[in-house]
Amino acid sequence: MAQYLMSVLFDSTDLATAEEMAAIDVFNEKLQADGNWVFAGGLAAPATATVVDGRDGDPVFTDGPYLESKEHVAGFWIIEAPHLDVALRLAALGSKSCNRRVELRPLLGE
């Protein structure tokens, strides 16, 4: 089984509606029941981010997101799937459930 990161992309800091949250809960329960669930979480607004650069001497801390863009990562799932086709199907269901675009990326293997 390979693991994948499904990043939820959104262009607003608005939280999910009650209907969206209910659909996400159903999707999460399906992931768990089918053995695809690893971990998931929602993220606070991009304005709460801190970029940390410790590459050269003392670390530099910068408020705000790394990139200014119209979209940001609003949440994520880490899933397991036997192959990419299953992961893509799950990403499509996740996108429909949360009513947002989802980016799917495989995690690097060991």
PDB file of N, CA and C in Angstrom:
ATOM      1  N   MET A   1       0.850  -1.185   0.000  1.00  0.00           N
ATOM      2  CA  MET A   1       0.000   0.000   0.000  1.00  0.00           C
ATOM      3  C   MET A   1       0.890   1.242   0.000  1.00  0.00           C
ATOM      4  N   ALA A   2       0.549   2.178  -0.842  1.00  0.00           N
ATOM      5  CA  ALA A   2       1.251   3.458  -0.888  1.00  0.00           C
ATOM      6  C   ALA A   2       0.448   4.487  -0.090  1.00  0.00           C
ATOM      7  N   GLN A   3       1.149   5.484   0.420  1.00  0.00           N
ATOM      8  CA  GLN A   3       0.478   6.569   1.130  1.00  0.00           C
ATOM      9  C   GLN A   3       0.473   7.817   0.258  1.00  0.00           C
ATOM     10  N   TYR A   4      -0.593   8.591   0.400  1.00  0.00           N
ATOM     11  CA  TYR A   4      -0.782   9.802  -0.392  1.00  0.00           C
ATOM     12  C   TYR A   4      -1.225  10.935   0.516  1.00  0.00           C
ATOM     13  N   LEU A   5      -0.831  12.148   0.144  1.00  0.00           N
ATOM     14  CA  LEU A   5      -1.312  13.364   0.788  1.00  0.00           C
ATOM     15  C   LEU A   5      -2.366  13.971  -0.114  1.00  0.00           C
ATOM     16  N   MET A   6      -3.552  14.174   0.427  1.00  0.00           N
ATOM     17  CA  MET A   6      -4.613  14.900  -0.279  1.00  0.00           C
ATOM     18  C   MET A   6      -4.743  16.263   0.397  1.00  0.00           C
ATOM     19  N   SER A   7      -4.282  17.313  -0.287  1.00  0.00           N
ATOM     20  CA  SER A   7      -4.352  18.670   0.240  1.00  0.00           C
ATOM     21  C   SER A   7      -5.630  19.333  -0.258  1.00  0.00           C
ATOM     22  N   VAL A   8      -6.379  19.907   0.651  1.00  0.00           N
ATOM     23  CA  VAL A   8      -7.611  20.614   0.306  1.00  0.00           C
ATOM     24  C   VAL A   8      -7.240  22.057  -0.025  1.00  0.00           C
ATOM     25  N   LEU A   9      -7.552  22.499  -1.241  1.00  0.00           N
ATOM     26  CA  LEU A   9      -7.212  23.842  -1.711  1.00  0.00           C
ATOM     27  C   LEU A   9      -8.454  24.716  -1.701  1.00  0.00           C
ATOM     28  N   PHE A  10      -8.305  25.930  -1.160  1.00  0.00           N
ATOM     29  CA  PHE A  10      -9.467  26.812  -1.063  1.00  0.00           C
ATOM     30  C   PHE A  10      -9.015  28.245  -1.218  1.00  0.00           C
ATOM     31  N   ASP A  11      -9.888  29.106  -1.716  1.00  0.00           N
ATOM     32  CA  ASP A  11      -9.541  30.503  -1.980  1.00  0.00           C
ATOM     33  C   ASP A  11     -10.158  31.466  -0.972  1.00  0.00           C
ATOM     34  N   SER A  12     -10.575  30.950   0.170  1.00  0.00           N
ATOM     35  CA  SER A  12     -11.193  31.771   1.202  1.00  0.00           C
ATOM     36  C   SER A  12     -10.802  31.211   2.558  1.00  0.00           C
ATOM     37  N   THR A  13     -10.858  32.040   3.577  1.00  0.00           N
ATOM     38  CA  THR A  13     -10.608  31.545   4.931  1.00  0.00           C
ATOM     39  C   THR A  13     -11.902  31.143   5.620  1.00  0.00           C
ATOM     40  N   ASP A  14     -13.023  31.168   4.871  1.00  0.00           N
ATOM     41  CA  ASP A  14     -14.298  30.730   5.432  1.00  0.00           C
ATOM     42  C   ASP A  14     -14.200  29.258   5.832  1.00  0.00           C
ATOM     43  N   LEU A  15     -14.790  28.930   6.950  1.00  0.00           N
ATOM     44  CA  LEU A  15     -14.826  27.541   7.391  1.00  0.00           C
ATOM     45  C   LEU A  15     -15.874  26.774   6.600  1.00  0.00           C
ATOM     46  N   ALA A  16     -15.774  25.468   6.651  1.00  0.00           N
ATOM     47  CA  ALA A  16     -16.762  24.623   5.978  1.00  0.00           C
ATOM     48  C   ALA A  16     -18.144  24.871   6.581  1.00  0.00           C
ATOM     49  N   THR A  17     -19.157  24.775   5.742  1.00  0.00           N
ATOM     50  CA  THR A  17     -20.530  24.911   6.216  1.00  0.00           C
ATOM     51  C   THR A  17     -20.923  23.642   6.983  1.00  0.00           C
ATOM     52  N   ALA A  18     -22.040  23.685   7.655  1.00  0.00           N
ATOM     53  CA  ALA A  18     -22.522  22.508   8.380  1.00  0.00           C
ATOM     54  C   ALA A  18     -22.760  21.340   7.416  1.00  0.00           C
ATOM     55  N   GLU A  19     -23.300  21.628   6.236  1.00  0.00           N
ATOM     56  CA  GLU A  19     -23.520  20.575   5.232  1.00  0.00           C
ATOM     57  C   GLU A  19     -22.203  19.983   4.758  1.00  0.00           C
ATOM     58  N   GLU A  20     -21.217  20.839   4.513  1.00  0.00           N
ATOM     59  CA  GLU A  20     -19.900  20.352   4.082  1.00  0.00           C
ATOM     60  C   GLU A  20     -19.254  19.509   5.175  1.00  0.00           C
ATOM     61  N   MET A  21     -19.353  19.956   6.418  1.00  0.00           N
ATOM     62  CA  MET A  21     -18.770  19.188   7.533  1.00  0.00           C
ATOM     63  C   MET A  21     -19.434  17.822   7.659  1.00  0.00           C
ATOM     64  N   ALA A  22     -20.742  17.763   7.485  1.00  0.00           N
ATOM     65  CA  ALA A  22     -21.454  16.481   7.548  1.00  0.00           C
ATOM     66  C   ALA A  22     -20.962  15.555   6.437  1.00  0.00           C
ATOM     67  N   ALA A  23     -20.777  16.092   5.226  1.00  0.00           N
ATOM     68  CA  ALA A  23     -20.284  15.278   4.104  1.00  0.00           C
ATOM     69  C   ALA A  23     -18.844  14.825   4.351  1.00  0.00           C
ATOM     70  N   ILE A  24     -18.030  15.688   4.929  1.00  0.00           N
ATOM     71  CA  ILE A  24     -16.647  15.318   5.264  1.00  0.00           C
ATOM     72  C   ILE A  24     -16.641  14.207   6.305  1.00  0.00           C
ATOM     73  N   ASP A  25     -17.510  14.304   7.307  1.00  0.00           N
ATOM     74  CA  ASP A  25     -17.599  13.248   8.328  1.00  0.00           C
ATOM     75  C   ASP A  25     -17.958  11.903   7.701  1.00  0.00           C
ATOM     76  N   VAL A  26     -18.902  11.898   6.772  1.00  0.00           N
ATOM     77  CA  VAL A  26     -19.292  10.660   6.079  1.00  0.00           C
ATOM     78  C   VAL A  26     -18.105  10.119   5.289  1.00  0.00           C
ATOM     79  N   PHE A  27     -17.396  10.991   4.587  1.00  0.00           N
ATOM     80  CA  PHE A  27     -16.217  10.571   3.816  1.00  0.00           C
ATOM     81  C   PHE A  27     -15.147   9.990   4.746  1.00  0.00           C
ATOM     82  N   ASN A  28     -14.891  10.666   5.867  1.00  0.00           N
ATOM     83  CA  ASN A  28     -13.900  10.167   6.831  1.00  0.00           C
ATOM     84  C   ASN A  28     -14.285   8.778   7.346  1.00  0.00           C
ATOM     85  N   GLU A  29     -15.552   8.591   7.656  1.00  0.00           N
ATOM     86  CA  GLU A  29     -16.018   7.286   8.133  1.00  0.00           C
ATOM     87  C   GLU A  29     -15.819   6.211   7.071  1.00  0.00           C
ATOM     88  N   LYS A  30     -16.044   6.562   5.796  1.00  0.00           N
ATOM     89  CA  LYS A  30     -15.832   5.602   4.702  1.00  0.00           C
ATOM     90  C   LYS A  30     -14.350   5.252   4.581  1.00  0.00           C
ATOM     91  N   LEU A  31     -13.482   6.267   4.655  1.00  0.00           N
ATOM     92  CA  LEU A  31     -12.039   6.004   4.605  1.00  0.00           C
ATOM     93  C   LEU A  31     -11.628   5.037   5.715  1.00  0.00           C
ATOM     94  N   GLN A  32     -12.142   5.272   6.919  1.00  0.00           N
ATOM     95  CA  GLN A  32     -11.801   4.416   8.058  1.00  0.00           C
ATOM     96  C   GLN A  32     -12.338   2.999   7.864  1.00  0.00           C
ATOM     97  N   ALA A  33     -13.582   2.888   7.441  1.00  0.00           N
ATOM     98  CA  ALA A  33     -14.210   1.573   7.266  1.00  0.00           C
ATOM     99  C   ALA A  33     -13.520   0.756   6.171  1.00  0.00           C
ATOM    100  N   ASP A  34     -13.037   1.431   5.127  1.00  0.00           N
ATOM    101  CA  ASP A  34     -12.411   0.743   4.001  1.00  0.00           C
ATOM    102  C   ASP A  34     -10.901   0.531   4.186  1.00  0.00           C
ATOM    103  N   GLY A  35     -10.341   1.006   5.310  1.00  0.00           N
ATOM    104  CA  GLY A  35      -8.921   0.800   5.578  1.00  0.00           C
ATOM    105  C   GLY A  35      -7.993   1.753   4.860  1.00  0.00           C
ATOM    106  N   ASN A  36      -8.515   2.889   4.352  1.00  0.00           N
ATOM    107  CA  ASN A  36      -7.686   3.873   3.657  1.00  0.00           C
ATOM    108  C   ASN A  36      -7.232   5.018   4.559  1.00  0.00           C
ATOM    109  N   TRP A  37      -7.807   5.122   5.737  1.00  0.00           N
ATOM    110  CA  TRP A  37      -7.550   6.241   6.646  1.00  0.00           C
ATOM    111  C   TRP A  37      -6.185   6.101   7.306  1.00  0.00           C
ATOM    112  N   VAL A  38      -5.397   7.174   7.297  1.00  0.00           N
ATOM    113  CA  VAL A  38      -4.183   7.257   8.102  1.00  0.00           C
ATOM    114  C   VAL A  38      -4.330   8.420   9.082  1.00  0.00           C
ATOM    115  N   PHE A  39      -4.631   9.629   8.549  1.00  0.00           N
ATOM    116  CA  PHE A  39      -4.728  10.813   9.396  1.00  0.00           C
ATOM    117  C   PHE A  39      -5.354  11.933   8.573  1.00  0.00           C
ATOM    118  N   ALA A  40      -6.010  12.869   9.223  1.00  0.00           N
ATOM    119  CA  ALA A  40      -6.565  14.037   8.537  1.00  0.00           C
ATOM    120  C   ALA A  40      -6.623  15.206   9.505  1.00  0.00           C
ATOM    121  N   GLY A  41      -6.695  16.402   8.959  1.00  0.00           N
ATOM    122  CA  GLY A  41      -6.822  17.574   9.811  1.00  0.00           C
ATOM    123  C   GLY A  41      -7.136  18.816   9.008  1.00  0.00           C
ATOM    124  N   GLY A  42      -7.760  19.763   9.662  1.00  0.00           N
ATOM    125  CA  GLY A  42      -7.997  21.078   9.079  1.00  0.00           C
ATOM    126  C   GLY A  42      -6.919  22.023   9.567  1.00  0.00           C
ATOM    127  N   LEU A  43      -6.665  23.062   8.810  1.00  0.00           N
ATOM    128  CA  LEU A  43      -5.623  24.028   9.160  1.00  0.00           C
ATOM    129  C   LEU A  43      -6.234  25.398   9.441  1.00  0.00           C
ATOM    130  N   ALA A  44      -5.600  26.132  10.336  1.00  0.00           N
ATOM    131  CA  ALA A  44      -6.014  27.506  10.621  1.00  0.00           C
ATOM    132  C   ALA A  44      -5.709  28.383   9.409  1.00  0.00           C
ATOM    133  N   ALA A  45      -6.213  29.590   9.404  1.00  0.00           N
ATOM    134  CA  ALA A  45      -6.044  30.525   8.295  1.00  0.00           C
ATOM    135  C   ALA A  45      -4.565  30.776   7.993  1.00  0.00           C
ATOM    136  N   PRO A  46      -4.232  31.056   6.733  1.00  0.00           N
ATOM    137  CA  PRO A  46      -2.845  31.306   6.358  1.00  0.00           C
ATOM    138  C   PRO A  46      -2.185  32.425   7.167  1.00  0.00           C
ATOM    139  N   ALA A  47      -2.958  33.399   7.609  1.00  0.00           N
ATOM    140  CA  ALA A  47      -2.400  34.508   8.377  1.00  0.00           C
ATOM    141  C   ALA A  47      -1.796  34.049   9.702  1.00  0.00           C
ATOM    142  N   THR A  48      -2.148  32.854  10.162  1.00  0.00           N
ATOM    143  CA  THR A  48      -1.611  32.340  11.423  1.00  0.00           C
ATOM    144  C   THR A  48      -0.278  31.607  11.232  1.00  0.00           C
ATOM    145  N   ALA A  49       0.162  31.463   9.979  1.00  0.00           N
ATOM    146  CA  ALA A  49       1.386  30.717   9.681  1.00  0.00           C
ATOM    147  C   ALA A  49       2.631  31.497  10.080  1.00  0.00           C
ATOM    148  N   THR A  50       3.681  30.769  10.371  1.00  0.00           N
ATOM    149  CA  THR A  50       5.009  31.331  10.574  1.00  0.00           C
ATOM    150  C   THR A  50       5.980  30.536   9.720  1.00  0.00           C
ATOM    151  N   VAL A  51       6.736  31.227   8.878  1.00  0.00           N
ATOM    152  CA  VAL A  51       7.763  30.582   8.067  1.00  0.00           C
ATOM    153  C   VAL A  51       9.062  30.633   8.862  1.00  0.00           C
ATOM    154  N   VAL A  52       9.709  29.488   9.008  1.00  0.00           N
ATOM    155  CA  VAL A  52      10.943  29.382   9.778  1.00  0.00           C
ATOM    156  C   VAL A  52      12.069  28.998   8.822  1.00  0.00           C
ATOM    157  N   ASP A  53      13.128  29.804   8.778  1.00  0.00           N
ATOM    158  CA  ASP A  53      14.292  29.519   7.933  1.00  0.00           C
ATOM    159  C   ASP A  53      15.525  29.408   8.823  1.00  0.00           C
ATOM    160  N   GLY A  54      15.928  28.175   9.089  1.00  0.00           N
ATOM    161  CA  GLY A  54      17.090  27.921   9.934  1.00  0.00           C
ATOM    162  C   GLY A  54      18.289  27.447   9.152  1.00  0.00           C
ATOM    163  N   ARG A  55      18.333  27.741   7.864  1.00  0.00           N
ATOM    164  CA  ARG A  55      19.400  27.212   7.013  1.00  0.00           C
ATOM    165  C   ARG A  55      20.744  27.874   7.226  1.00  0.00           C
ATOM    166  N   ASP A  56      20.784  29.119   7.644  1.00  0.00           N
ATOM    167  CA  ASP A  56      22.054  29.849   7.674  1.00  0.00           C
ATOM    168  C   ASP A  56      22.184  30.626   8.975  1.00  0.00           C
ATOM    169  N   GLY A  57      22.804  30.015   9.990  1.00  0.00           N
ATOM    170  CA  GLY A  57      22.992  30.700  11.265  1.00  0.00           C
ATOM    171  C   GLY A  57      21.728  30.701  12.093  1.00  0.00           C
ATOM    172  N   ASP A  58      21.455  31.849  12.722  1.00  0.00           N
ATOM    173  CA  ASP A  58      20.273  31.959  13.563  1.00  0.00           C
ATOM    174  C   ASP A  58      19.008  31.839  12.713  1.00  0.00           C
ATOM    175  N   PRO A  59      17.992  31.146  13.238  1.00  0.00           N
ATOM    176  CA  PRO A  59      16.761  31.024  12.470  1.00  0.00           C
ATOM    177  C   PRO A  59      16.065  32.373  12.301  1.00  0.00           C
ATOM    178  N   VAL A  60      15.418  32.525  11.150  1.00  0.00           N
ATOM    179  CA  VAL A  60      14.637  33.723  10.856  1.00  0.00           C
ATOM    180  C   VAL A  60      13.169  33.302  10.841  1.00  0.00           C
ATOM    181  N   PHE A  61      12.348  34.028  11.592  1.00  0.00           N
ATOM    182  CA  PHE A  61      10.922  33.741  11.699  1.00  0.00           C
ATOM    183  C   PHE A  61      10.156  34.855  10.990  1.00  0.00           C
ATOM    184  N   THR A  62       9.295  34.488  10.051  1.00  0.00           N
ATOM    185  CA  THR A  62       8.521  35.463   9.290  1.00  0.00           C
ATOM    186  C   THR A  62       7.048  35.126   9.438  1.00  0.00           C
ATOM    187  N   ASP A  63       6.253  36.132   9.824  1.00  0.00           N
ATOM    188  CA  ASP A  63       4.809  35.921   9.949  1.00  0.00           C
ATOM    189  C   ASP A  63       4.179  35.751   8.579  1.00  0.00           C
ATOM    190  N   GLY A  64       3.127  34.936   8.543  1.00  0.00           N
ATOM    191  CA  GLY A  64       2.344  34.772   7.330  1.00  0.00           C
ATOM    192  C   GLY A  64       2.795  33.594   6.494  1.00  0.00           C
ATOM    193  N   PRO A  65       2.035  33.300   5.468  1.00  0.00           N
ATOM    194  CA  PRO A  65       2.339  32.134   4.636  1.00  0.00           C
ATOM    195  C   PRO A  65       3.613  32.341   3.823  1.00  0.00           C
ATOM    196  N   TYR A  66       4.194  31.240   3.392  1.00  0.00           N
ATOM    197  CA  TYR A  66       5.408  31.262   2.572  1.00  0.00           C
ATOM    198  C   TYR A  66       5.142  31.957   1.243  1.00  0.00           C
ATOM    199  N   LEU A  67       4.005  31.650   0.645  1.00  0.00           N
ATOM    200  CA  LEU A  67       3.638  32.241  -0.641  1.00  0.00           C
ATOM    201  C   LEU A  67       2.340  33.022  -0.511  1.00  0.00           C
ATOM    202  N   GLU A  68       2.279  34.148  -1.185  1.00  0.00           N
ATOM    203  CA  GLU A  68       1.017  34.871  -1.301  1.00  0.00           C
ATOM    204  C   GLU A  68       0.321  34.325  -2.546  1.00  0.00           C
ATOM    205  N   SER A  69      -0.861  33.790  -2.364  1.00  0.00           N
ATOM    206  CA  SER A  69      -1.598  33.263  -3.513  1.00  0.00           C
ATOM    207  C   SER A  69      -3.090  33.361  -3.235  1.00  0.00           C
ATOM    208  N   LYS A  70      -3.868  33.126  -4.281  1.00  0.00           N
ATOM    209  CA  LYS A  70      -5.316  33.173  -4.120  1.00  0.00           C
ATOM    210  C   LYS A  70      -5.824  31.951  -3.372  1.00  0.00           C
ATOM    211  N   GLU A  71      -5.112  30.828  -3.496  1.00  0.00           N
ATOM    212  CA  GLU A  71      -5.522  29.594  -2.825  1.00  0.00           C
ATOM    213  C   GLU A  71      -4.518  29.233  -1.738  1.00  0.00           C
ATOM    214  N   HIS A  72      -5.000  28.503  -0.775  1.00  0.00           N
ATOM    215  CA  HIS A  72      -4.128  27.997   0.280  1.00  0.00           C
ATOM    216  C   HIS A  72      -4.590  26.592   0.661  1.00  0.00           C
ATOM    217  N   VAL A  73      -3.735  25.898   1.402  1.00  0.00           N
ATOM    218  CA  VAL A  73      -4.097  24.574   1.893  1.00  0.00           C
ATOM    219  C   VAL A  73      -4.961  24.767   3.132  1.00  0.00           C
ATOM    220  N   ALA A  74      -6.206  24.316   3.057  1.00  0.00           N
ATOM    221  CA  ALA A  74      -7.167  24.493   4.146  1.00  0.00           C
ATOM    222  C   ALA A  74      -7.244  23.278   5.059  1.00  0.00           C
ATOM    223  N   GLY A  75      -6.778  22.137   4.564  1.00  0.00           N
ATOM    224  CA  GLY A  75      -6.811  20.902   5.339  1.00  0.00           C
ATOM    225  C   GLY A  75      -6.158  19.803   4.532  1.00  0.00           C
ATOM    226  N   PHE A  76      -6.158  18.609   5.087  1.00  0.00           N
ATOM    227  CA  PHE A  76      -5.491  17.516   4.394  1.00  0.00           C
ATOM    228  C   PHE A  76      -5.962  16.167   4.913  1.00  0.00           C
ATOM    229  N   TRP A  77      -5.737  15.160   4.105  1.00  0.00           N
ATOM    230  CA  TRP A  77      -5.865  13.759   4.500  1.00  0.00           C
ATOM    231  C   TRP A  77      -4.559  13.068   4.144  1.00  0.00           C
ATOM    232  N   ILE A  78      -4.155  12.125   4.938  1.00  0.00           N
ATOM    233  CA  ILE A  78      -3.122  11.159   4.564  1.00  0.00           C
ATOM    234  C   ILE A  78      -3.874   9.841   4.424  1.00  0.00           C
ATOM    235  N   ILE A  79      -3.785   9.250   3.235  1.00  0.00           N
ATOM    236  CA  ILE A  79      -4.524   8.016   2.979  1.00  0.00           C
ATOM    237  C   ILE A  79      -3.559   6.924   2.529  1.00  0.00           C
ATOM    238  N   GLU A  80      -4.022   5.703   2.592  1.00  0.00           N
ATOM    239  CA  GLU A  80      -3.318   4.566   2.017  1.00  0.00           C
ATOM    240  C   GLU A  80      -4.189   3.981   0.923  1.00  0.00           C
ATOM    241  N   ALA A  81      -3.551   3.618  -0.181  1.00  0.00           N
ATOM    242  CA  ALA A  81      -4.280   3.009  -1.292  1.00  0.00           C
ATOM    243  C   ALA A  81      -3.348   2.022  -1.993  1.00  0.00           C
ATOM    244  N   PRO A  82      -3.916   0.954  -2.540  1.00  0.00           N
ATOM    245  CA  PRO A  82      -3.073  -0.058  -3.183  1.00  0.00           C
ATOM    246  C   PRO A  82      -2.410   0.436  -4.466  1.00  0.00           C
ATOM    247  N   HIS A  83      -3.008   1.429  -5.133  1.00  0.00           N
ATOM    248  CA  HIS A  83      -2.407   1.985  -6.344  1.00  0.00           C
ATOM    249  C   HIS A  83      -3.035   3.342  -6.647  1.00  0.00           C
ATOM    250  N   LEU A  84      -2.447   4.040  -7.601  1.00  0.00           N
ATOM    251  CA  LEU A  84      -2.840   5.409  -7.918  1.00  0.00           C
ATOM    252  C   LEU A  84      -4.302   5.532  -8.317  1.00  0.00           C
ATOM    253  N   ASP A  85      -4.826   4.574  -9.058  1.00  0.00           N
ATOM    254  CA  ASP A  85      -6.226   4.672  -9.489  1.00  0.00           C
ATOM    255  C   ASP A  85      -7.178   4.766  -8.299  1.00  0.00           C
ATOM    256  N   VAL A  86      -6.917   3.982  -7.261  1.00  0.00           N
ATOM    257  CA  VAL A  86      -7.754   4.029  -6.059  1.00  0.00           C
ATOM    258  C   VAL A  86      -7.574   5.378  -5.367  1.00  0.00           C
ATOM    259  N   ALA A  87      -6.336   5.853  -5.271  1.00  0.00           N
ATOM    260  CA  ALA A  87      -6.070   7.146  -4.626  1.00  0.00           C
ATOM    261  C   ALA A  87      -6.774   8.277  -5.380  1.00  0.00           C
ATOM    262  N   LEU A  88      -6.763   8.234  -6.703  1.00  0.00           N
ATOM    263  CA  LEU A  88      -7.445   9.257  -7.498  1.00  0.00           C
ATOM    264  C   LEU A  88      -8.953   9.221  -7.272  1.00  0.00           C
ATOM    265  N   ARG A  89      -9.517   8.016  -7.182  1.00  0.00           N
ATOM    266  CA  ARG A  89     -10.946   7.883  -6.909  1.00  0.00           C
ATOM    267  C   ARG A  89     -11.283   8.471  -5.540  1.00  0.00           C
ATOM    268  N   LEU A  90     -10.437   8.192  -4.549  1.00  0.00           N
ATOM    269  CA  LEU A  90     -10.659   8.727  -3.206  1.00  0.00           C
ATOM    270  C   LEU A  90     -10.503  10.250  -3.189  1.00  0.00           C
ATOM    271  N   ALA A  91      -9.544  10.772  -3.945  1.00  0.00           N
ATOM    272  CA  ALA A  91      -9.368  12.221  -4.026  1.00  0.00           C
ATOM    273  C   ALA A  91     -10.598  12.885  -4.646  1.00  0.00           C
ATOM    274  N   ALA A  92     -11.174  12.243  -5.654  1.00  0.00           N
ATOM    275  CA  ALA A  92     -12.394  12.788  -6.268  1.00  0.00           C
ATOM    276  C   ALA A  92     -13.539  12.796  -5.260  1.00  0.00           C
ATOM    277  N   LEU A  93     -13.666  11.731  -4.485  1.00  0.00           N
ATOM    278  CA  LEU A  93     -14.707  11.685  -3.448  1.00  0.00           C
ATOM    279  C   LEU A  93     -14.448  12.718  -2.356  1.00  0.00           C
ATOM    280  N   GLY A  94     -13.176  12.891  -1.984  1.00  0.00           N
ATOM    281  CA  GLY A  94     -12.828  13.905  -0.979  1.00  0.00           C
ATOM    282  C   GLY A  94     -13.160  15.295  -1.464  1.00  0.00           C
ATOM    283  N   SER A  95     -12.851  15.589  -2.733  1.00  0.00           N
ATOM    284  CA  SER A  95     -13.148  16.891  -3.310  1.00  0.00           C
ATOM    285  C   SER A  95     -14.654  17.157  -3.304  1.00  0.00           C
ATOM    286  N   LYS A  96     -15.413  16.151  -3.690  1.00  0.00           N
ATOM    287  CA  LYS A  96     -16.874  16.293  -3.694  1.00  0.00           C
ATOM    288  C   LYS A  96     -17.390  16.497  -2.270  1.00  0.00           C
ATOM    289  N   SER A  97     -16.839  15.746  -1.319  1.00  0.00           N
ATOM    290  CA  SER A  97     -17.313  15.818   0.070  1.00  0.00           C
ATOM    291  C   SER A  97     -17.050  17.184   0.698  1.00  0.00           C
ATOM    292  N   CYS A  98     -15.857  17.736   0.483  1.00  0.00           N
ATOM    293  CA  CYS A  98     -15.535  19.012   1.131  1.00  0.00           C
ATOM    294  C   CYS A  98     -15.878  20.211   0.260  1.00  0.00           C
ATOM    295  N   ASN A  99     -16.293  19.946  -0.997  1.00  0.00           N
ATOM    296  CA  ASN A  99     -16.702  21.006  -1.916  1.00  0.00           C
ATOM    297  C   ASN A  99     -15.549  21.970  -2.222  1.00  0.00           C
ATOM    298  N   ARG A 100     -14.351  21.392  -2.348  1.00  0.00           N
ATOM    299  CA  ARG A 100     -13.160  22.163  -2.662  1.00  0.00           C
ATOM    300  C   ARG A 100     -12.254  21.328  -3.566  1.00  0.00           C
ATOM    301  N   ARG A 101     -11.315  21.988  -4.226  1.00  0.00           N
ATOM    302  CA  ARG A 101     -10.343  21.246  -5.029  1.00  0.00           C
ATOM    303  C   ARG A 101      -9.386  20.510  -4.097  1.00  0.00           C
ATOM    304  N   VAL A 102      -8.874  19.390  -4.574  1.00  0.00           N
ATOM    305  CA  VAL A 102      -7.946  18.576  -3.798  1.00  0.00           C
ATOM    306  C   VAL A 102      -6.731  18.267  -4.668  1.00  0.00           C
ATOM    307  N   GLU A 103      -5.544  18.440  -4.105  1.00  0.00           N
ATOM    308  CA  GLU A 103      -4.315  18.026  -4.773  1.00  0.00           C
ATOM    309  C   GLU A 103      -3.881  16.702  -4.174  1.00  0.00           C
ATOM    310  N   LEU A 104      -3.581  15.730  -5.021  1.00  0.00           N
ATOM    311  CA  LEU A 104      -3.137  14.403  -4.575  1.00  0.00           C
ATOM    312  C   LEU A 104      -1.661  14.247  -4.900  1.00  0.00           C
ATOM    313  N   ARG A 105      -0.859  13.870  -3.885  1.00  0.00           N
ATOM    314  CA  ARG A 105       0.568  13.628  -4.094  1.00  0.00           C
ATOM    315  C   ARG A 105       0.995  12.405  -3.309  1.00  0.00           C
ATOM    316  N   PRO A 106       1.759  11.509  -3.958  1.00  0.00           N
ATOM    317  CA  PRO A 106       2.247  10.345  -3.225  1.00  0.00           C
ATOM    318  C   PRO A 106       3.344  10.771  -2.241  1.00  0.00           C
ATOM    319  N   LEU A 107       3.376  10.114  -1.101  1.00  0.00           N
ATOM    320  CA  LEU A 107       4.474  10.300  -0.159  1.00  0.00           C
ATOM    321  C   LEU A 107       5.653   9.473  -0.664  1.00  0.00           C
ATOM    322  N   LEU A 108       6.856   9.949  -0.455  1.00  0.00           N
ATOM    323  CA  LEU A 108       8.032   9.195  -0.861  1.00  0.00           C
ATOM    324  C   LEU A 108       8.127   7.920  -0.051  1.00  0.00           C
ATOM    325  N   GLY A 109       8.521   6.837  -0.702  1.00  0.00           N
ATOM    326  CA  GLY A 109       8.660   5.553  -0.021  1.00  0.00           C
ATOM    327  C   GLY A 109       9.871   5.521   0.873  1.00  0.00           C
ATOM    328  N   GLU A 110       9.949   4.472   1.651  1.00  0.00           N
ATOM    329  CA  GLU A 110      11.082   4.330   2.585  1.00  0.00           C
ATOM    330  C   GLU A 110      12.326   3.903   1.856  1.00  0.00           C
TER     331      GLU A 110
END
